[in-house]
Protein backbone atom coordinates (compact mmCIF):
# COMPACT_ATOMS: atom_id res chain seq x y z
CA MET A 1 185.54 276.68 19.50
CA MET A 2 189.22 277.23 19.75
CA PRO A 3 191.38 279.85 21.47
CA ALA A 4 194.25 281.72 19.87
CA VAL A 5 196.77 279.05 18.87
CA ARG A 6 200.00 278.78 20.79
CA SER A 7 202.61 276.13 20.07
CA THR A 8 202.68 275.04 23.72
CA SER A 9 198.93 274.45 24.02
CA LEU A 10 197.73 273.20 20.63
CA PRO A 11 195.69 270.00 21.16
CA VAL A 12 197.26 267.18 19.13
CA PRO A 13 195.06 264.10 18.80
CA SER A 14 197.74 262.11 16.99
CA CYS A 15 201.29 262.32 15.69
CA LYS A 16 200.04 262.12 12.11
CA ILE A 17 197.77 265.14 12.54
CA LEU A 18 200.67 267.13 14.04
CA LYS A 19 202.93 266.33 11.09
CA LEU A 20 200.23 267.40 8.63
CA LEU A 21 199.27 270.51 10.57
CA SER A 22 202.65 271.95 11.54
CA PRO A 23 203.84 273.24 8.14
CA ARG A 24 200.46 274.83 7.46
CA LEU A 25 200.42 276.58 10.81
CA ARG A 26 203.95 277.86 10.25
CA ASN A 27 202.85 279.40 6.95
CA LEU A 28 199.77 280.93 8.56
CA ARG A 29 201.74 282.29 11.51
CA THR A 30 204.21 283.92 9.08
CA LEU A 31 201.29 285.59 7.32
CA ALA A 32 199.70 286.64 10.63
CA ASN A 33 202.89 288.31 11.82
CA SER A 34 203.15 290.40 8.67
CA THR A 35 202.50 294.12 8.97
CA SER A 36 201.17 296.55 6.43
CA SER A 37 204.67 297.24 5.11
CA THR A 38 205.17 296.91 1.37
CA VAL A 39 206.66 293.61 0.24
CA ARG A 40 208.18 293.22 -3.21
CA TYR A 41 208.07 290.02 -5.18
CA ARG A 42 210.16 288.91 -8.13
CA SER A 43 208.10 288.88 -11.31
CA PRO A 44 208.91 287.11 -14.58
CA SER A 45 211.76 288.62 -16.56
CA SER A 46 209.36 290.17 -19.05
CA LEU A 47 207.64 292.21 -16.31
CA PRO A 48 209.00 294.74 -13.84
CA ALA A 49 208.82 294.07 -10.12
CA ARG A 50 205.48 295.19 -8.69
CA PRO A 51 204.67 296.05 -5.07
CA PHE A 52 202.33 293.80 -3.09
CA THR A 53 200.89 295.11 0.16
CA HIS A 54 199.73 292.75 2.90
CA ILE A 55 196.64 293.70 4.89
CA ARG A 56 197.51 294.61 8.48
CA SER A 57 197.06 291.53 10.59
CA ARG A 58 194.74 291.11 13.54
CA PRO A 59 195.63 288.84 16.45
CA ILE A 60 196.85 285.49 15.16
CA VAL A 61 193.51 283.89 16.01
CA THR A 62 192.02 285.66 12.97
CA PHE A 63 194.20 283.63 10.58
CA VAL A 64 194.58 280.35 12.43
CA HIS A 65 191.40 280.03 14.45
CA SER A 66 189.00 278.91 11.73
CA PHE A 67 191.60 276.63 10.13
CA VAL A 68 192.21 274.72 13.35
CA SER A 69 188.53 274.73 14.26
CA GLY A 70 187.72 273.15 10.92
CA LEU A 71 189.80 270.18 12.00
CA PHE A 72 188.82 269.98 15.66
CA PHE A 73 185.33 271.47 16.01
CA SER A 74 182.94 269.30 18.00
CA THR A 75 180.90 266.81 16.00
CA ALA A 76 179.67 264.85 19.02
CA PRO A 77 178.37 265.86 22.45
CA SER A 78 181.07 267.27 24.71
CA GLN A 79 180.31 266.55 28.35
CA MET A 80 181.36 269.52 30.51
CA GLY A 81 180.24 267.91 33.75
CA HIS A 82 178.02 270.61 35.30
CA ASP A 83 174.56 269.97 36.76
CA ASN A 84 171.61 270.84 34.50
CA THR A 85 169.12 270.67 37.39
CA SER A 86 170.19 274.02 38.85
CA TYR A 87 168.51 276.26 36.24
CA PRO A 88 165.12 278.02 36.54
CA MET A 89 163.80 276.50 33.30
CA GLN A 90 163.67 272.72 33.47
CA LYS A 91 162.81 270.42 30.57
CA ASN A 92 163.66 266.80 29.89
CA GLU A 93 165.37 265.66 26.70
CA GLN A 94 162.10 264.85 24.92
CA GLU A 95 160.65 268.27 25.75
CA TRP A 96 163.74 270.04 24.41
CA GLN A 97 163.65 267.98 21.23
CA ALA A 98 160.03 269.01 20.70
CA ILE A 99 160.80 272.76 20.66
CA LEU A 100 164.33 272.84 19.15
CA THR A 101 165.52 271.94 15.68
CA PRO A 102 167.97 269.01 15.52
CA GLN A 103 170.80 271.50 14.94
CA GLN A 104 169.77 273.65 17.91
CA PHE A 105 169.43 270.59 20.14
CA ARG A 106 172.91 269.37 19.19
CA VAL A 107 174.53 272.68 20.16
CA LEU A 108 172.35 273.91 23.04
CA ARG A 109 171.73 270.60 24.80
CA GLU A 110 174.57 268.36 23.58
CA LYS A 111 177.22 271.08 23.52
CA GLY A 112 178.19 270.78 19.89
CA THR A 113 179.73 273.56 17.79
CA GLU A 114 178.57 274.90 14.47
CA ARG A 115 181.15 275.23 11.71
CA PRO A 116 182.98 278.58 11.56
CA PHE A 117 181.78 281.22 9.09
CA THR A 118 178.41 279.49 8.61
CA GLY A 119 176.32 281.09 11.36
CA GLU A 120 173.50 283.57 10.78
CA TYR A 121 174.89 286.22 13.15
CA ASP A 122 178.60 286.15 12.34
CA HIS A 123 178.36 289.37 10.29
CA HIS A 124 175.14 290.67 11.77
CA HIS A 125 175.17 294.38 12.74
CA ALA A 126 171.57 295.37 13.50
CA LYS A 127 170.80 297.07 16.83
CA GLY A 128 168.94 295.04 19.39
CA VAL A 129 169.35 292.17 21.86
CA TYR A 130 170.47 288.59 21.32
CA HIS A 131 168.37 286.09 23.28
CA CYS A 132 168.83 282.41 24.09
CA ALA A 133 167.32 280.34 21.27
CA GLY A 134 166.20 277.76 23.82
CA CYS A 135 164.39 279.80 26.46
CA ASN A 136 164.30 283.38 25.06
CA ALA A 137 166.29 284.86 27.96
CA PRO A 138 168.22 288.04 26.96
CA LEU A 139 171.97 287.41 26.76
CA TYR A 140 173.86 290.09 24.79
CA GLN A 141 173.31 293.69 23.75
CA SER A 142 174.24 294.43 20.15
CA SER A 143 176.44 297.27 21.44
CA THR A 144 178.85 294.66 22.87
CA LYS A 145 179.24 292.76 19.58
CA PHE A 146 182.46 293.19 17.59
CA ASP A 147 184.14 291.70 14.52
CA SER A 148 186.80 289.25 15.71
CA GLY A 149 187.30 287.44 12.39
CA CYS A 150 187.12 284.07 14.16
CA GLY A 151 184.07 282.74 12.29
CA TRP A 152 181.52 283.01 15.12
CA PRO A 153 179.64 285.96 16.66
CA ALA A 154 181.87 287.69 19.23
CA PHE A 155 180.86 289.86 22.18
CA PHE A 156 183.06 291.53 24.80
CA ASP A 157 180.50 291.22 27.63
CA ALA A 158 177.16 289.63 28.48
CA ILE A 159 174.10 291.15 30.11
CA PRO A 160 174.79 290.92 33.88
CA GLY A 161 173.56 287.64 35.36
CA SER A 162 172.57 286.17 32.00
CA ILE A 163 175.29 283.52 31.72
CA LYS A 164 177.11 281.00 33.90
CA ILE A 165 180.68 279.86 33.26
CA PHE A 166 182.39 276.52 33.83
CA GLU A 167 185.81 275.00 33.26
CA ASP A 168 185.90 272.85 30.12
CA ARG A 169 188.75 270.36 29.75
CA SER A 170 187.61 268.78 26.49
CA LEU A 171 189.86 268.65 23.37
CA GLY A 172 192.96 268.33 25.56
CA MET A 173 192.95 271.95 26.77
CA VAL A 174 191.40 274.13 29.48
CA ARG A 175 188.75 276.57 28.26
CA THR A 176 185.90 278.55 29.82
CA GLU A 177 182.48 277.37 28.73
CA MET A 178 179.48 279.67 29.02
CA VAL A 179 175.84 278.62 29.25
CA CYS A 180 172.51 280.39 29.56
CA ALA A 181 171.84 281.06 33.25
CA ASN A 182 168.11 280.45 32.75
CA CYS A 183 168.07 277.08 30.96
CA GLY A 184 171.68 275.85 30.90
CA GLY A 185 171.86 275.91 27.10
CA HIS A 186 175.41 275.80 25.73
CA LEU A 187 176.44 279.08 24.12
CA GLY A 188 180.17 278.77 23.42
CA HIS A 189 183.42 279.74 25.15
CA ILE A 190 185.10 282.83 26.59
CA PHE A 191 188.69 283.75 25.72
CA LYS A 192 190.76 286.47 27.37
CA GLY A 193 193.90 288.42 26.58
CA GLU A 194 193.86 287.98 22.80
CA GLY A 195 194.66 291.63 22.10
CA TYR A 196 191.31 292.85 20.79
CA LYS A 197 190.71 296.51 21.61
CA THR A 198 187.56 296.02 23.66
CA PRO A 199 186.72 297.31 27.16
CA THR A 200 187.04 293.87 28.77
CA ASP A 201 189.76 292.25 26.60
CA GLU A 202 187.43 289.25 26.36
CA ARG A 203 185.92 287.42 23.41
CA HIS A 204 182.66 285.63 24.09
CA CYS A 205 182.66 283.25 21.13
CA VAL A 206 179.01 282.26 20.67
CA ASN A 207 177.30 279.84 18.31
CA SER A 208 174.80 281.70 16.11
CA ILE A 209 172.40 278.79 16.44
CA SER A 210 172.29 279.32 20.21
CA LEU A 211 170.95 282.85 19.69
CA LYS A 212 167.72 284.55 18.63
CA PHE A 213 167.98 288.24 17.73
CA LYS A 214 165.27 290.80 18.48
CA GLU A 215 165.73 294.13 16.71
CA GLY A 216 165.22 297.30 18.72
CA ASP A 217 164.81 295.35 21.96
CA SER A 218 166.24 296.83 25.14
């Protein structure tokens, strides 16, 4: 999962990728900075000019986030370096593989990332509680979920004590990883100061596959 893109912090794995990516990002940033003002375009000579109205933009992450993540999302385990022996629920690798699907194991235990806009809970709006898919511990109230447009479920706060956070220096940047406080399962990353109008100004960007929703739970 990727934070809002800034030109000074974009991870660049190679010069070739940068050359290919730069013009596309410039075009996306131009679109993201557009407002809802009416823009006129020149039509063919046989037609009069017609107005075209851009949709009001959200923070730039809405337009660029999923594009960049499609190039750089994790396809292999990302080692964050924290100790998995400090959690109340303890299972070895074979035990986790026995109760998780291969996709769940890759994200929860190997710290992978599901592709943006593919998760079950990205546009999920039912009332209830989101639990850890690995150990069933409650993590997020539905009342804290909001539409960020980033391609993954977004929450502005977790249930107190339900998650632990760690510094993640993978992908050539510094991010804040969050895991389930009960089993250590990887959930996603936390981003701050992106301009969303939420009480905490945080975006907990969570993999759908790390969650299990229970409707009407409290």
